[in-house]
Amino acid sequence: YGHGGFGITTLFGSIQTATELLKETRTSCESKICIIGSGCMGLTLAVELAAVGFTNITIYTKDRDHNIS
C-alpha cells in the first residue's frame, strides 16, 4: 500500500476511496465496521469514519481488538 515512505503517499487517497465506497453502498452509520490492522492506515480510517458519523467501529490488531464507539 505505498511506494516508499511507509505508504504515506497513498494513505489519504485510499481512505477517501474506502469512505466513498461506504457512502455509495448507503451503509448505515450504525453498521458494524471492522478494521483489520492498527497501523497508520487503520487508525486514520477509524478516525475519518468516526468524523463522518460512523459509531460502531472495531479495530482488530494482532493481539486484541478495540471498539472506539
Protein backbone atom coordinates (compact mmCIF):
# COMPACT_ATOMS: atom_id res chain seq x y z
CA TYR A 1 0.00 0.00 0.00
CA GLY A 2 2.50 2.57 -0.91
CA HIS A 3 5.57 3.33 -2.89
CA GLY A 4 8.06 4.03 -0.18
CA GLY A 5 7.77 6.28 2.81
CA PHE A 6 5.72 3.66 4.68
CA GLY A 7 2.70 4.18 2.42
CA ILE A 8 2.05 7.75 3.49
CA THR A 9 1.84 8.84 -0.16
CA THR A 10 -1.29 6.73 -0.71
CA LEU A 11 -2.77 6.86 2.79
CA PHE A 12 -5.38 9.59 2.39
CA GLY A 13 -6.35 8.60 -1.16
CA SER A 14 -7.04 5.05 -0.01
CA ILE A 15 -9.04 6.26 2.97
CA GLN A 16 -11.07 8.59 0.77
CA THR A 17 -11.82 5.67 -1.57
CA ALA A 18 -12.97 3.46 1.32
CA THR A 19 -15.18 6.22 2.73
CA GLU A 20 -16.72 6.87 -0.70
CA LEU A 21 -17.47 3.15 -1.14
CA LEU A 22 -19.36 3.13 2.14
CA LYS A 23 -21.37 6.17 1.05
CA GLU A 24 -22.11 4.66 -2.39
CA THR A 25 -23.47 1.47 -0.84
CA ARG A 26 -25.54 3.61 1.55
CA THR A 27 -24.09 1.86 4.55
CA SER A 28 -25.84 2.97 7.73
CA CYS A 29 -23.75 4.89 10.24
CA GLU A 30 -24.84 2.33 12.83
CA SER A 31 -23.49 -0.61 10.78
CA LYS A 32 -20.64 -2.56 12.33
CA ILE A 33 -17.34 -1.53 10.76
CA CYS A 34 -14.34 -3.82 11.32
CA ILE A 35 -10.88 -2.52 10.54
CA ILE A 36 -8.06 -5.05 10.40
CA GLY A 37 -4.76 -3.55 11.49
CA SER A 38 -3.82 -0.66 13.72
CA GLY A 39 -1.13 0.91 11.59
CA CYS A 40 -1.37 4.41 10.19
CA MET A 41 -3.94 3.31 7.59
CA GLY A 42 -6.27 1.54 10.04
CA LEU A 43 -6.14 4.21 12.71
CA THR A 44 -6.60 7.08 10.26
CA LEU A 45 -9.54 5.30 8.63
CA ALA A 46 -11.17 4.78 12.03
CA VAL A 47 -10.82 8.47 12.88
CA GLU A 48 -12.12 9.59 9.48
CA LEU A 49 -15.13 7.25 9.65
CA ALA A 50 -15.94 8.45 13.16
CA ALA A 51 -15.70 12.05 11.93
CA VAL A 52 -18.38 11.42 9.29
CA GLY A 53 -20.73 9.76 11.78
CA PHE A 54 -19.96 6.04 11.96
CA THR A 55 -20.46 4.90 15.54
CA ASN A 56 -19.75 1.14 15.66
CA ILE A 57 -16.09 0.79 14.67
CA THR A 58 -13.85 -2.03 15.90
CA ILE A 59 -10.13 -2.16 15.18
CA TYR A 60 -8.61 -5.65 15.17
CA THR A 61 -4.91 -5.85 15.89
CA LYS A 62 -2.54 -8.77 16.10
CA ASP A 63 -3.13 -9.30 19.81
CA ARG A 64 -6.55 -7.80 20.62
CA ASP A 65 -9.50 -5.78 19.39
CA HIS A 66 -10.61 -2.32 20.47
CA ASN A 67 -14.02 -0.75 19.99
CA ILE A 68 -13.81 3.03 19.65
CA SER A 69 -17.53 3.79 19.61
